Amino acid sequence: MEEIYARVQRNDKRPLAKAKSKEELEKLYQARLPYYEEAIIRVRGTNKSSEKITKEIVKLYFKWLNKEL
């Protein structure tokens, strides 16, 4: 949760999330967690740049499209 909170605080394109406290973000995350767990592709973002995360998502997405996952 610390990583999520830190990223939201640095991101000016997330004004609704940025206005929330850590506790509010945690509650929102917990409410969404069942949907996140249904994802076929999962990428850990801790200690990675947004560019690296994006590249990893794209790579895994194309593997999924080609039925390699």
C-alpha atoms as a PDB file:
ATOM      1  CA  MET A   1       0.000   0.000   0.000  1.00  0.00           C
ATOM      2  CA  GLU A   2       2.913   2.349   0.682  1.00  0.00           C
ATOM      3  CA  GLU A   3       4.070   2.086  -2.939  1.00  0.00           C
ATOM      4  CA  ILE A   4       0.561   2.742  -4.274  1.00  0.00           C
ATOM      5  CA  TYR A   5       0.123   5.749  -2.007  1.00  0.00           C
ATOM      6  CA  ALA A   6       3.527   7.185  -2.962  1.00  0.00           C
ATOM      7  CA  ARG A   7       2.807   6.785  -6.688  1.00  0.00           C
ATOM      8  CA  VAL A   8      -0.601   8.432  -6.381  1.00  0.00           C
ATOM      9  CA  GLN A   9       0.890  11.369  -4.487  1.00  0.00           C
ATOM     10  CA  ARG A  10       3.461  11.939  -7.284  1.00  0.00           C
ATOM     11  CA  ASN A  11       0.877  11.703 -10.064  1.00  0.00           C
ATOM     12  CA  ASP A  12      -0.960  14.918 -10.964  1.00  0.00           C
ATOM     13  CA  LYS A  13      -3.258  12.971 -13.318  1.00  0.00           C
ATOM     14  CA  ARG A  14      -5.011  11.200 -10.418  1.00  0.00           C
ATOM     15  CA  PRO A  15      -6.685  14.119  -8.571  1.00  0.00           C
ATOM     16  CA  LEU A  16      -9.459  12.032  -7.014  1.00  0.00           C
ATOM     17  CA  ALA A  17      -7.051   9.430  -5.680  1.00  0.00           C
ATOM     18  CA  LYS A  18      -4.491  12.035  -4.647  1.00  0.00           C
ATOM     19  CA  ALA A  19      -7.058  13.677  -2.354  1.00  0.00           C
ATOM     20  CA  LYS A  20      -7.580  10.425  -0.419  1.00  0.00           C
ATOM     21  CA  SER A  21      -5.782   9.399   2.754  1.00  0.00           C
ATOM     22  CA  LYS A  22      -3.800   6.156   2.968  1.00  0.00           C
ATOM     23  CA  GLU A  23      -6.708   4.619   4.850  1.00  0.00           C
ATOM     24  CA  GLU A  24      -9.200   5.629   2.144  1.00  0.00           C
ATOM     25  CA  LEU A  25      -6.950   4.257  -0.596  1.00  0.00           C
ATOM     26  CA  GLU A  26      -6.540   1.006   1.344  1.00  0.00           C
ATOM     27  CA  LYS A  27     -10.323   0.670   1.634  1.00  0.00           C
ATOM     28  CA  LEU A  28     -10.756   1.334  -2.095  1.00  0.00           C
ATOM     29  CA  TYR A  29      -8.011  -1.169  -2.923  1.00  0.00           C
ATOM     30  CA  GLN A  30      -9.610  -3.847  -0.742  1.00  0.00           C
ATOM     31  CA  ALA A  31     -12.986  -3.252  -2.428  1.00  0.00           C
ATOM     32  CA  ARG A  32     -11.392  -3.661  -5.879  1.00  0.00           C
ATOM     33  CA  LEU A  33      -9.138  -6.582  -4.950  1.00  0.00           C
ATOM     34  CA  PRO A  34     -11.570  -9.338  -6.054  1.00  0.00           C
ATOM     35  CA  TYR A  35     -11.576  -7.801  -9.552  1.00  0.00           C
ATOM     36  CA  TYR A  36      -7.791  -7.400  -9.626  1.00  0.00           C
ATOM     37  CA  GLU A  37      -7.414 -11.071  -8.691  1.00  0.00           C
ATOM     38  CA  GLU A  38      -9.375 -12.098 -11.807  1.00  0.00           C
ATOM     39  CA  ALA A  39      -6.673 -10.635 -14.065  1.00  0.00           C
ATOM     40  CA  ILE A  40      -4.938 -13.078 -16.371  1.00  0.00           C
ATOM     41  CA  ILE A  41      -1.823 -10.926 -16.512  1.00  0.00           C
ATOM     42  CA  ARG A  42      -0.257  -9.645 -13.290  1.00  0.00           C
ATOM     43  CA  VAL A  43       2.770  -7.414 -12.988  1.00  0.00           C
ATOM     44  CA  ARG A  44       4.477  -6.371  -9.774  1.00  0.00           C
ATOM     45  CA  GLY A  45       5.265  -2.681  -9.858  1.00  0.00           C
ATOM     46  CA  THR A  46       7.250  -2.316  -6.655  1.00  0.00           C
ATOM     47  CA  ASN A  47      10.577  -0.571  -7.242  1.00  0.00           C
ATOM     48  CA  LYS A  48      10.010  -0.354 -11.003  1.00  0.00           C
ATOM     49  CA  SER A  49       9.581   2.718 -13.173  1.00  0.00           C
ATOM     50  CA  SER A  50       6.289   3.226 -14.982  1.00  0.00           C
ATOM     51  CA  GLU A  51       8.142   2.697 -18.270  1.00  0.00           C
ATOM     52  CA  LYS A  52       9.476  -0.690 -17.148  1.00  0.00           C
ATOM     53  CA  ILE A  53       6.038  -1.739 -15.912  1.00  0.00           C
ATOM     54  CA  THR A  54       4.477  -0.696 -19.216  1.00  0.00           C
ATOM     55  CA  LYS A  55       7.024  -2.697 -21.231  1.00  0.00           C
ATOM     56  CA  GLU A  56       6.411  -5.753 -19.080  1.00  0.00           C
ATOM     57  CA  ILE A  57       2.628  -5.456 -19.496  1.00  0.00           C
ATOM     58  CA  VAL A  58       2.936  -5.127 -23.285  1.00  0.00           C
ATOM     59  CA  LYS A  59       5.288  -8.119 -23.469  1.00  0.00           C
ATOM     60  CA  LEU A  60       2.966 -10.299 -21.383  1.00  0.00           C
ATOM     61  CA  TYR A  61      -0.089  -9.113 -23.290  1.00  0.00           C
ATOM     62  CA  PHE A  62       1.383 -10.244 -26.613  1.00  0.00           C
ATOM     63  CA  LYS A  63       2.377 -13.569 -25.070  1.00  0.00           C
ATOM     64  CA  TRP A  64      -1.217 -13.932 -23.918  1.00  0.00           C
ATOM     65  CA  LEU A  65      -2.523 -13.057 -27.393  1.00  0.00           C
ATOM     66  CA  ASN A  66      -0.276 -15.707 -28.909  1.00  0.00           C
ATOM     67  CA  LYS A  67      -1.467 -18.227 -26.309  1.00  0.00           C
ATOM     68  CA  GLU A  68       2.010 -18.496 -24.821  1.00  0.00           C
ATOM     69  CA  LEU A  69       0.775 -17.916 -21.278  1.00  0.00           C
END
